[in-house]
Protein backbone atom coordinates (compact mmCIF):
# COMPACT_ATOMS: atom_id res chain seq x y z
CA MET A 1 7.25 29.85 151.69
CA ASN A 2 5.73 30.29 155.07
CA TYR A 3 8.74 30.87 157.35
CA CYS A 4 6.45 30.38 160.43
CA ASN A 5 6.02 26.72 159.41
CA LEU A 6 9.85 26.25 159.39
CA LEU A 7 9.96 27.50 163.02
CA VAL A 8 7.11 25.35 164.02
CA ASN A 9 8.64 22.30 162.38
CA ILE A 10 12.17 22.73 163.96
CA LEU A 11 10.56 23.27 167.45
CA VAL A 12 8.47 20.11 166.94
CA GLY A 13 11.56 18.21 165.81
CA LEU A 14 13.42 19.34 168.86
CA LEU A 15 10.56 18.38 171.04
CA LEU A 16 10.05 14.88 169.72
CA GLY A 17 13.76 14.32 169.46
CA THR A 18 14.15 15.15 173.12
CA LEU A 19 11.15 13.29 174.36
CA LEU A 20 11.57 10.17 172.45
CA SER A 21 15.37 9.73 173.21
CA PRO A 22 14.83 8.48 176.84
CA LEU A 23 11.84 6.37 175.78
CA ALA A 24 13.83 4.67 172.84
CA THR A 25 16.80 4.18 175.15
CA TRP A 26 14.59 2.21 177.55
CA LEU A 27 12.83 0.35 174.76
CA ALA A 28 16.15 -0.45 173.18
CA ARG A 29 17.27 -2.21 176.51
CA LYS A 30 13.99 -4.02 176.62
CA LEU A 31 14.47 -5.31 173.03
CA LYS A 32 18.19 -6.06 173.80
CA LEU A 33 19.48 -3.75 170.96
CA ILE A 34 22.77 -3.42 172.83
CA ASP A 35 26.30 -2.60 171.27
CA ASP A 36 28.46 -4.68 173.77
CA PRO A 37 32.21 -3.55 173.72
CA ARG A 38 33.15 -7.03 174.61
CA SER A 39 31.78 -8.13 171.02
CA SER A 40 34.82 -6.91 169.24
CA PRO A 41 38.44 -5.74 169.96
CA ARG A 42 37.95 -2.62 167.87
CA LYS A 43 35.16 -1.31 170.12
CA ILE A 44 36.23 1.77 172.11
CA HIS A 45 33.44 2.48 174.25
CA ASN A 46 33.54 1.02 177.86
CA LYS A 47 29.98 -0.20 178.66
CA PRO A 48 27.12 -1.76 176.84
CA THR A 49 25.25 1.05 175.09
CA PRO A 50 21.72 0.71 173.62
CA CYS A 51 21.29 1.32 169.86
CA ALA A 52 18.21 3.65 170.26
CA GLY A 53 19.07 6.37 167.56
CA GLY A 54 16.88 4.43 164.86
CA LEU A 55 14.01 4.09 167.08
CA VAL A 56 14.05 7.85 167.71
CA LEU A 57 14.15 8.64 163.98
CA PHE A 58 11.71 6.23 162.93
CA ILE A 59 8.95 6.81 165.70
CA GLY A 60 9.43 10.54 165.27
CA LEU A 61 8.92 10.37 161.47
CA VAL A 62 5.96 8.20 161.84
CA ILE A 63 4.30 10.38 164.36
CA ALA A 64 4.68 13.24 161.98
CA ILE A 65 2.99 11.28 159.23
CA LEU A 66 0.10 10.26 161.51
CA VAL A 67 -0.55 13.75 162.75
CA LYS A 68 -0.39 15.02 159.10
CA PHE A 69 2.36 17.35 160.06
CA THR A 70 3.27 20.16 157.41
CA GLY A 71 5.80 19.16 154.93
CA PHE A 72 5.01 15.39 154.86
CA ASP A 73 3.50 15.05 151.48
CA THR A 74 2.86 11.98 149.40
CA ASP A 75 6.51 11.66 148.07
CA ILE A 76 8.03 12.08 151.58
CA ILE A 77 5.65 9.37 153.03
CA LYS A 78 6.62 7.14 150.24
CA ILE A 79 10.27 7.61 151.08
CA ILE A 80 9.62 6.83 154.83
CA ALA A 81 7.50 3.73 153.90
CA ALA A 82 10.22 2.23 151.75
CA GLY A 83 12.77 3.32 154.31
CA SER A 84 10.97 1.28 156.99
CA ILE A 85 12.36 -1.89 155.50
CA VAL A 86 15.88 -0.64 155.86
CA PHE A 87 14.97 0.36 159.41
CA VAL A 88 13.62 -3.10 160.22
CA THR A 89 16.71 -4.83 158.81
CA GLY A 90 18.93 -2.58 160.68
CA LEU A 91 16.86 -3.27 163.81
CA ILE A 92 17.32 -7.09 163.33
CA ASP A 93 21.16 -6.64 162.94
CA ASP A 94 21.17 -4.47 166.10
CA HIS A 95 19.51 -7.13 167.98
CA LYS A 96 21.50 -10.10 166.42
CA SER A 97 24.06 -9.74 163.78
CA ILE A 98 22.94 -10.72 160.43
CA SER A 99 25.14 -11.33 157.20
CA VAL A 100 26.09 -8.81 154.87
CA PHE A 101 24.10 -10.36 152.15
CA GLN A 102 20.90 -10.31 154.35
CA LYS A 103 21.63 -6.51 155.09
CA PHE A 104 22.06 -5.95 151.45
CA LEU A 105 18.93 -7.85 150.65
CA GLY A 106 16.84 -5.51 152.87
CA GLN A 107 18.30 -2.50 151.17
CA PHE A 108 17.65 -3.78 147.71
CA ILE A 109 14.00 -4.60 148.66
CA ALA A 110 13.61 -1.16 150.16
CA THR A 111 15.08 0.55 147.03
CA THR A 112 12.91 -1.59 144.77
CA VAL A 113 9.85 -0.48 146.68
CA LEU A 114 11.06 3.12 146.43
CA ILE A 115 11.34 2.74 142.56
CA LEU A 116 7.97 1.07 142.25
CA LEU A 117 6.46 4.04 144.24
CA GLY A 118 7.79 6.31 141.42
CA ILE A 119 10.90 7.77 142.99
CA HIS A 120 14.05 7.19 140.97
CA VAL A 121 17.00 9.16 139.51
CA GLN A 122 16.24 10.86 136.15
CA ILE A 123 19.59 11.53 134.61
CA PHE A 124 19.66 9.75 131.30
CA GLU A 125 15.87 10.30 130.80
CA GLY A 126 16.68 14.14 131.17
CA SER A 127 18.72 16.36 128.91
CA LEU A 128 22.24 15.41 130.13
CA LEU A 129 23.62 13.59 127.19
CA PRO A 130 24.13 15.48 123.89
CA PHE A 131 22.45 12.59 122.08
CA GLN A 132 19.19 10.85 122.75
CA LEU A 133 18.98 7.40 124.11
CA SER A 134 15.89 5.10 123.58
CA ASN A 135 13.36 5.51 126.33
CA THR A 136 13.97 1.84 127.44
CA VAL A 137 17.77 2.20 127.67
CA ALA A 138 17.57 5.58 129.57
CA PHE A 139 15.10 4.06 131.98
CA VAL A 140 17.16 1.04 132.71
CA LEU A 141 20.28 3.24 133.25
CA ASP A 142 18.48 5.54 135.55
CA ILE A 143 17.11 2.70 137.60
CA ALA A 144 20.48 1.17 137.95
CA ILE A 145 22.01 4.46 139.17
CA THR A 146 19.00 4.78 141.65
CA TYR A 147 20.03 1.48 143.12
CA LEU A 148 23.77 2.36 143.27
CA TRP A 149 22.88 5.81 144.77
CA VAL A 150 20.47 4.78 147.41
CA ILE A 151 22.19 1.59 148.50
CA GLY A 152 25.61 3.15 148.29
CA LEU A 153 24.79 6.13 150.36
CA SER A 154 22.94 4.25 152.91
CA ASN A 155 25.96 2.12 153.55
CA ALA A 156 28.32 5.12 153.33
CA PHE A 157 26.17 6.47 156.44
CA ASN A 158 26.58 3.15 158.18
CA PHE A 159 30.41 3.00 157.30
CA ILE A 160 31.23 6.48 158.82
CA ASP A 161 29.30 5.83 162.02
CA SER A 162 32.49 5.15 163.77
CA MET A 163 32.62 7.83 166.33
CA ASP A 164 30.08 9.32 168.78
CA GLY A 165 27.91 12.04 167.21
CA LEU A 166 29.83 12.13 163.88
CA VAL A 167 26.98 10.87 161.62
CA ILE A 168 24.42 13.19 163.38
CA GLN A 169 26.67 16.33 162.99
CA LEU A 170 27.37 15.50 159.17
CA SER A 171 23.72 14.91 158.71
CA GLN A 172 22.83 18.21 160.26
CA ILE A 173 25.01 19.93 157.66
CA ALA A 174 23.35 18.02 154.93
CA VAL A 175 19.79 18.66 155.88
CA VAL A 176 20.44 22.36 156.53
CA LEU A 177 22.02 22.76 152.99
CA MET A 178 19.36 20.56 151.35
CA GLY A 179 16.53 22.69 153.10
CA ILE A 180 18.08 25.90 151.59
CA SER A 181 18.33 24.38 148.23
CA ALA A 182 14.69 23.20 148.49
CA ILE A 183 13.62 26.72 149.40
CA THR A 184 15.56 28.10 146.52
CA TYR A 185 14.04 25.61 144.13
CA ALA A 186 10.47 26.43 145.40
CA GLN A 187 10.04 22.85 147.01
CA PRO A 188 8.59 23.98 150.38
CA ASN A 189 7.54 20.50 151.38
CA ILE A 190 11.20 19.24 151.21
CA ALA A 191 12.28 22.24 153.12
CA LEU A 192 9.82 21.79 155.82
CA MET A 193 10.70 18.05 156.12
CA MET A 194 14.33 18.88 156.23
CA ILE A 195 13.90 21.53 158.98
CA PHE A 196 11.87 19.05 161.01
CA LEU A 197 14.52 16.35 160.72
CA LEU A 198 17.12 18.99 161.70
CA GLY A 199 15.23 19.77 164.98
CA MET A 200 15.31 16.00 165.71
CA LEU A 201 19.02 15.54 164.90
CA ILE A 202 19.94 18.45 167.14
CA ALA A 203 18.03 16.86 170.02
CA MET A 204 19.61 13.47 169.40
CA SER A 205 23.01 14.93 169.30
CA VAL A 206 22.82 15.66 172.96
CA PHE A 207 22.23 11.88 173.55
CA ASN A 208 24.64 10.74 170.87
CA SER A 209 27.74 12.96 171.24
CA PHE A 210 30.71 11.73 173.42
CA PRO A 211 30.22 10.17 175.53
CA ALA A 212 27.16 8.61 173.94
CA ILE A 213 24.11 7.79 176.09
CA TYR A 214 22.83 5.80 172.99
CA PHE A 215 24.31 4.88 169.45
CA LEU A 216 22.42 5.17 166.15
CA GLY A 217 23.13 1.44 165.47
CA ASP A 218 22.53 0.03 161.84
CA SER A 219 18.86 0.80 162.18
CA GLY A 220 19.63 4.55 162.69
CA SER A 221 22.68 5.06 160.26
CA LEU A 222 21.14 2.91 157.35
CA PHE A 223 17.72 4.55 157.77
CA LEU A 224 19.00 7.99 157.98
CA GLY A 225 21.20 7.43 154.87
CA PHE A 226 18.36 5.94 152.95
CA ILE A 227 15.92 8.85 153.80
CA LEU A 228 18.66 11.52 152.74
CA SER A 229 19.63 9.70 149.64
CA ALA A 230 15.95 9.41 148.48
CA VAL A 231 15.05 13.01 149.37
CA SER A 232 18.04 14.23 147.36
CA ILE A 233 16.50 12.53 144.29
CA LEU A 234 13.42 14.81 144.72
CA LEU A 235 15.53 17.96 144.91
CA ASN A 236 14.93 19.57 141.44
CA PRO A 237 16.67 22.77 140.39
CA VAL A 238 13.88 24.46 138.20
CA ASP A 239 14.95 26.22 135.00
CA LEU A 240 18.64 25.19 135.53
CA PRO A 241 20.62 23.12 132.94
CA GLN A 242 20.87 19.51 133.94
CA ALA A 243 24.64 19.42 132.68
CA SER A 244 25.27 21.97 135.56
CA SER A 245 23.37 20.29 138.34
CA TRP A 246 23.53 16.48 137.83
CA PHE A 247 26.42 15.97 140.41
CA PHE A 248 25.27 18.27 143.21
CA PRO A 249 23.76 15.59 145.36
CA ILE A 250 27.11 13.81 145.41
CA MET A 251 28.72 17.03 146.82
CA PHE A 252 26.23 17.13 149.60
CA PHE A 253 27.46 13.87 151.02
CA THR A 254 31.18 14.29 150.21
CA VAL A 255 32.54 12.91 153.60
CA PRO A 256 30.36 9.72 153.96
CA LEU A 257 30.97 8.78 150.39
CA PHE A 258 34.74 9.50 150.63
CA ASP A 259 35.00 7.38 153.81
CA MET A 260 33.27 4.46 152.08
CA PHE A 261 35.48 4.83 149.09
CA LEU A 262 38.56 5.09 151.26
CA VAL A 263 37.74 2.15 153.45
CA VAL A 264 36.57 -0.15 150.62
CA PHE A 265 39.32 0.34 148.17
CA SER A 266 42.12 0.44 151.06
CA ARG A 267 40.78 -2.87 152.38
CA ILE A 268 40.73 -4.40 148.94
CA ARG A 269 44.38 -3.14 148.37
CA HIS A 270 45.46 -4.69 151.72
CA LYS A 271 43.55 -7.85 150.81
CA VAL A 272 41.18 -7.46 153.55
CA LYS A 273 37.44 -8.19 153.34
CA PHE A 274 35.71 -4.85 152.45
CA TYR A 275 33.00 -5.34 155.03
CA LYS A 276 35.36 -6.24 157.74
CA ALA A 277 35.05 -3.88 160.69
CA SER A 278 38.41 -2.10 161.51
CA THR A 279 39.82 1.26 162.62
CA ASP A 280 40.72 2.42 159.07
CA HIS A 281 38.18 5.08 158.62
CA THR A 282 38.76 8.75 157.81
CA TYR A 283 38.42 9.73 161.37
CA HIS A 284 40.88 7.13 162.56
CA ARG A 285 43.46 8.06 159.87
CA LEU A 286 43.20 11.75 160.75
CA CYS A 287 43.86 10.95 164.51
CA ARG A 288 46.82 8.90 163.53
CA LEU A 289 48.12 11.95 161.71
CA GLY A 290 48.18 13.64 165.10
CA LEU A 291 44.76 15.43 165.19
CA SER A 292 42.80 15.25 168.45
CA SER A 293 39.45 13.54 168.06
CA PHE A 294 37.68 16.98 168.22
CA ARG A 295 39.86 18.47 165.44
CA ALA A 296 39.41 15.33 163.34
CA ILE A 297 35.66 15.80 163.49
CA GLU A 298 35.77 19.47 162.81
CA VAL A 299 38.07 18.81 159.68
CA MET A 300 35.41 16.48 158.32
CA LYS A 301 32.65 18.95 159.09
CA LEU A 302 34.48 21.72 157.33
CA GLU A 303 35.08 19.53 154.23
CA SER A 304 31.43 18.73 154.08
CA ILE A 305 30.48 22.39 154.28
CA PHE A 306 32.89 23.60 151.89
CA TRP A 307 32.02 21.05 149.01
CA SER A 308 28.35 21.27 149.78
CA ILE A 309 28.38 24.98 149.31
CA LEU A 310 30.59 24.78 146.20
CA GLY A 311 28.07 22.27 144.75
CA MET A 312 25.26 24.68 145.45
CA VAL A 313 27.19 27.36 143.68
CA ALA A 314 28.17 25.08 140.74
CA ILE A 315 24.67 24.56 139.53
CA TYR A 316 24.23 28.28 138.78
CA GLN A 317 27.32 28.30 136.49
CA PRO A 318 27.31 27.61 132.78
CA PRO A 319 27.85 23.71 132.24
CA VAL A 320 31.70 24.02 131.45
CA ILE A 321 32.43 26.03 134.56
CA ALA A 322 30.08 23.84 136.81
CA ASN A 323 31.72 20.62 135.68
CA ILE A 324 35.35 22.04 136.13
CA LEU A 325 34.28 22.73 139.67
CA PHE A 326 33.19 19.01 140.01
CA GLY A 327 36.33 18.00 138.48
CA LEU A 328 38.30 19.87 141.37
CA PHE A 329 36.09 18.03 143.67
CA LEU A 330 37.11 14.67 142.26
CA VAL A 331 40.79 15.64 142.05
CA ASN A 332 40.71 16.47 145.86
CA PHE A 333 38.66 13.26 146.47
CA VAL A 334 41.37 11.12 144.84
CA GLY A 335 44.23 12.99 146.19
CA SER A 336 42.94 12.74 149.81
CA PHE A 337 42.50 9.16 149.20
CA ILE A 338 46.18 8.71 148.21
CA TYR A 339 47.46 10.75 151.01
CA LEU A 340 45.42 9.13 153.82
CA ASP A 341 45.97 5.62 152.46
CA SER A 342 49.81 6.14 152.30
CA SER A 343 50.39 8.24 155.42
CA PRO A 344 52.50 6.57 158.05
CA LYS A 345 50.84 6.32 161.57
CA ALA A 346 51.81 9.30 163.77
CA ASN A 347 53.57 8.64 167.15
CA ASN A 348 51.58 11.30 168.78
CA SER A 349 48.23 9.97 167.58
CA GLU A 350 45.31 9.61 170.09
CA ASP A 351 44.32 6.35 168.35
CA GLN A 352 47.13 3.82 168.34
CA ASN A 353 45.10 0.71 167.07
CA ILE A 354 46.35 -1.08 164.24
CA PHE A 355 44.38 -0.66 160.82
CA TYR A 356 43.78 -4.15 160.07
CA GLY A 357 43.58 -6.83 162.72
CA PRO A 358 43.84 -10.44 162.34
């Protein structure tokens, strides 16, 4: 691994993220990619804000491909090419809201393209099960999981984009740990791509943190979720038993996945449409328990770091120990859901909005 290339990549990512942010903000205003606070009573920002984050990410990655930047190999290019469909879908929604079905269709097409380009989960085609499935059955199951994983995580990033800077800060944690994992697994191209993306995200956080100069928008959150979910499929712990490593990508994205699980099942329980926007996300619930906005975000970041590192440790354990650790993760996952979904609203909360509006 050439560590000089890592330094170059993060510096170039920082430079592109910094230079593209003002340009993308101007372009978003010209294209009328604006989040107007008057469009919904749940909006908490005070003035129309451009949704420029997706433009920064997409243009930055395309530039890296065009100049044949270090780390952008064929698989990475395939992922960005397929992800461009999600980006365009989100861009259309940022300009003029489209239906849930139309957004899902765009994600489905993008994931199909990703699969056709040869990138998909290989759990059942591997050695996870103690018995052998037919090649056809194993392939079909892996394709189904690929759709579930990529579309699910893309939407998880979109769901959790409920506070300035939150998605970018959680993504920074994920790309750092994925980059470290890629170095450990002797996958330098993934490590280089992650460190480049880290540089861009650090620069973007300056513009996206509270009070945000621009938002990620659907084009940014969906695109970022798609890219990271697809890259996680490529991570391959060499010479380690699959029974100890099959779950570790899930633990990298603990908080976005938990937030989507919490929101969807809570809304179903309260007989509210699961795609209805409301202030019932993890962040809002932590604020209702009395945490400040800053502390709520820090709690979510610490959760992400803890479970991600535990996942990295688990893959080096014997399968029984590794799966016990994953079991503890699931217990915490379910326990946190029960606690947050049943906790009363705190009187000293900074966020006094009602969970479910009319």
